[in-house]
Amino acid sequence: EPDVDDDIPRTGIVNRDAIAVVIGNKNYKDADVPTVDFAINDAQIMKQYLINVLGYDENNILYYEDATQSTFNGVFGNASNFKARLYNLVKPGVSDVFIYY
């Protein structure tokens, strides 16, 4: 049976202003939170789909493994300041934004 990570197609689409955040968290610092065995593999596959199928520029994909709260704040901002990395990369009215967690 086919798997989603086999033979990812290339569409030729170019979406150079699109921005994505892809996060795969397998391990958590809190021992009560179980590991998510396939999270990193799935995040890597999603990144390849964004590039090959949806035409995202690899440089416009913010990719993180085992992101911490500090990582999230650096990307998305916080309650007192939302102008973080994602905000600064998005071109209002132009950029498609894709979030995968």
C-alpha atoms as a PDB file:
ATOM      1  CA  GLU A   1       0.000   0.000   0.000  1.00  0.00           C
ATOM      2  CA  PRO A   2       1.380   3.454  -0.889  1.00  0.00           C
ATOM      3  CA  ASP A   3       2.668   5.804   1.758  1.00  0.00           C
ATOM      4  CA  VAL A   4       2.395   9.611   1.637  1.00  0.00           C
ATOM      5  CA  ASP A   5       6.154   9.987   1.773  1.00  0.00           C
ATOM      6  CA  ASP A   6       6.756   7.797  -1.287  1.00  0.00           C
ATOM      7  CA  ASP A   7       7.272   9.606  -4.584  1.00  0.00           C
ATOM      8  CA  ILE A   8       6.227  13.107  -3.580  1.00  0.00           C
ATOM      9  CA  PRO A   9       5.194  14.731  -6.876  1.00  0.00           C
ATOM     10  CA  ARG A  10       6.744  17.911  -8.262  1.00  0.00           C
ATOM     11  CA  THR A  11       4.124  20.266  -9.631  1.00  0.00           C
ATOM     12  CA  GLY A  12       6.266  23.135 -10.889  1.00  0.00           C
ATOM     13  CA  ILE A  13       4.143  25.590  -8.902  1.00  0.00           C
ATOM     14  CA  VAL A  14       6.072  28.620  -7.617  1.00  0.00           C
ATOM     15  CA  ASN A  15       4.700  30.439  -4.589  1.00  0.00           C
ATOM     16  CA  ARG A  16       7.703  32.537  -3.661  1.00  0.00           C
ATOM     17  CA  ASP A  17       5.923  34.805  -1.150  1.00  0.00           C
ATOM     18  CA  ALA A  18       4.320  31.950   0.805  1.00  0.00           C
ATOM     19  CA  ILE A  19       5.509  31.427   4.377  1.00  0.00           C
ATOM     20  CA  ALA A  20       5.203  28.223   6.408  1.00  0.00           C
ATOM     21  CA  VAL A  21       5.893  27.184   9.962  1.00  0.00           C
ATOM     22  CA  VAL A  22       6.465  23.446  10.331  1.00  0.00           C
ATOM     23  CA  ILE A  23       6.962  21.992  13.812  1.00  0.00           C
ATOM     24  CA  GLY A  24       7.580  18.356  14.689  1.00  0.00           C
ATOM     25  CA  ASN A  25       7.671  17.741  18.423  1.00  0.00           C
ATOM     26  CA  LYS A  26       8.635  14.207  19.336  1.00  0.00           C
ATOM     27  CA  ASN A  27      10.147  14.825  22.754  1.00  0.00           C
ATOM     28  CA  TYR A  28       8.772  17.007  25.525  1.00  0.00           C
ATOM     29  CA  LYS A  29      10.573  18.162  28.666  1.00  0.00           C
ATOM     30  CA  ASP A  30       7.578  17.181  30.821  1.00  0.00           C
ATOM     31  CA  ALA A  31       7.991  13.483  31.612  1.00  0.00           C
ATOM     32  CA  ASP A  32       4.186  13.110  31.802  1.00  0.00           C
ATOM     33  CA  VAL A  33       3.865  13.895  28.080  1.00  0.00           C
ATOM     34  CA  PRO A  34       4.551  10.790  25.993  1.00  0.00           C
ATOM     35  CA  THR A  35       6.839  10.942  22.978  1.00  0.00           C
ATOM     36  CA  VAL A  36       5.203  11.306  19.591  1.00  0.00           C
ATOM     37  CA  ASP A  37       7.149   8.752  17.586  1.00  0.00           C
ATOM     38  CA  PHE A  38       6.242   9.920  14.072  1.00  0.00           C
ATOM     39  CA  ALA A  39       6.153  13.686  14.657  1.00  0.00           C
ATOM     40  CA  ILE A  40       9.567  14.542  13.210  1.00  0.00           C
ATOM     41  CA  ASN A  41       9.178  12.239  10.207  1.00  0.00           C
ATOM     42  CA  ASP A  42       5.740  13.737   9.497  1.00  0.00           C
ATOM     43  CA  ALA A  43       7.091  17.284   9.779  1.00  0.00           C
ATOM     44  CA  GLN A  44       9.924  16.466   7.356  1.00  0.00           C
ATOM     45  CA  ILE A  45       7.429  15.019   4.860  1.00  0.00           C
ATOM     46  CA  MET A  46       5.162  18.066   5.201  1.00  0.00           C
ATOM     47  CA  LYS A  47       8.132  20.315   4.444  1.00  0.00           C
ATOM     48  CA  GLN A  48       8.831  18.352   1.251  1.00  0.00           C
ATOM     49  CA  TYR A  49       5.167  18.638   0.200  1.00  0.00           C
ATOM     50  CA  LEU A  50       5.272  22.397   0.724  1.00  0.00           C
ATOM     51  CA  ILE A  51       8.346  22.679  -1.495  1.00  0.00           C
ATOM     52  CA  ASN A  52       7.537  20.101  -4.190  1.00  0.00           C
ATOM     53  CA  VAL A  53       3.748  20.328  -4.443  1.00  0.00           C
ATOM     54  CA  LEU A  54       2.766  23.802  -3.239  1.00  0.00           C
ATOM     55  CA  GLY A  55       5.824  25.683  -4.496  1.00  0.00           C
ATOM     56  CA  TYR A  56       7.081  27.161  -1.226  1.00  0.00           C
ATOM     57  CA  ASP A  57      10.659  28.446  -1.206  1.00  0.00           C
ATOM     58  CA  GLU A  58      12.628  26.349   1.287  1.00  0.00           C
ATOM     59  CA  ASN A  59      14.046  29.564   2.757  1.00  0.00           C
ATOM     60  CA  ASN A  60      10.500  30.654   3.644  1.00  0.00           C
ATOM     61  CA  ILE A  61       9.785  27.553   5.711  1.00  0.00           C
ATOM     62  CA  LEU A  62      10.467  27.993   9.409  1.00  0.00           C
ATOM     63  CA  TYR A  63      11.193  24.406  10.433  1.00  0.00           C
ATOM     64  CA  TYR A  64      11.629  23.252  14.042  1.00  0.00           C
ATOM     65  CA  GLU A  65      12.031  19.943  15.801  1.00  0.00           C
ATOM     66  CA  ASP A  66      11.160  19.642  19.493  1.00  0.00           C
ATOM     67  CA  ALA A  67      10.215  23.305  19.721  1.00  0.00           C
ATOM     68  CA  THR A  68      10.021  24.889  23.157  1.00  0.00           C
ATOM     69  CA  GLN A  69       7.818  27.700  24.415  1.00  0.00           C
ATOM     70  CA  SER A  70      10.703  30.040  23.681  1.00  0.00           C
ATOM     71  CA  THR A  71      10.696  28.838  20.059  1.00  0.00           C
ATOM     72  CA  PHE A  72       6.944  29.427  19.795  1.00  0.00           C
ATOM     73  CA  ASN A  73       7.309  32.935  21.234  1.00  0.00           C
ATOM     74  CA  GLY A  74      10.133  33.706  18.815  1.00  0.00           C
ATOM     75  CA  VAL A  75       8.018  32.616  15.848  1.00  0.00           C
ATOM     76  CA  PHE A  76       4.496  33.698  16.817  1.00  0.00           C
ATOM     77  CA  GLY A  77       5.117  36.333  19.473  1.00  0.00           C
ATOM     78  CA  ASN A  78       3.285  36.507  22.757  1.00  0.00           C
ATOM     79  CA  ALA A  79       0.396  38.359  24.374  1.00  0.00           C
ATOM     80  CA  SER A  80       2.385  41.572  24.759  1.00  0.00           C
ATOM     81  CA  ASN A  81       4.135  41.534  21.354  1.00  0.00           C
ATOM     82  CA  PHE A  82       2.858  39.652  18.298  1.00  0.00           C
ATOM     83  CA  LYS A  83       5.493  41.107  15.958  1.00  0.00           C
ATOM     84  CA  ALA A  84       7.798  38.096  15.963  1.00  0.00           C
ATOM     85  CA  ARG A  85       9.558  36.239  13.153  1.00  0.00           C
ATOM     86  CA  LEU A  86       6.418  35.111  11.288  1.00  0.00           C
ATOM     87  CA  TYR A  87       4.890  38.588  11.423  1.00  0.00           C
ATOM     88  CA  ASN A  88       8.056  40.081   9.949  1.00  0.00           C
ATOM     89  CA  LEU A  89       8.182  37.611   7.050  1.00  0.00           C
ATOM     90  CA  VAL A  90       4.562  37.865   5.904  1.00  0.00           C
ATOM     91  CA  LYS A  91       3.724  40.300   3.111  1.00  0.00           C
ATOM     92  CA  PRO A  92       0.177  41.458   3.971  1.00  0.00           C
ATOM     93  CA  GLY A  93      -2.329  40.633   1.254  1.00  0.00           C
ATOM     94  CA  VAL A  94       0.316  38.678  -0.701  1.00  0.00           C
ATOM     95  CA  SER A  95       1.724  35.816   1.382  1.00  0.00           C
ATOM     96  CA  ASP A  96      -0.053  32.517   1.864  1.00  0.00           C
ATOM     97  CA  VAL A  97       0.637  31.307   5.417  1.00  0.00           C
ATOM     98  CA  PHE A  98       0.677  27.611   6.333  1.00  0.00           C
ATOM     99  CA  ILE A  99       1.123  26.307   9.894  1.00  0.00           C
ATOM    100  CA  TYR A 100       1.813  22.620  10.603  1.00  0.00           C
ATOM    101  CA  TYR A 101       2.199  21.292  14.142  1.00  0.00           C
END
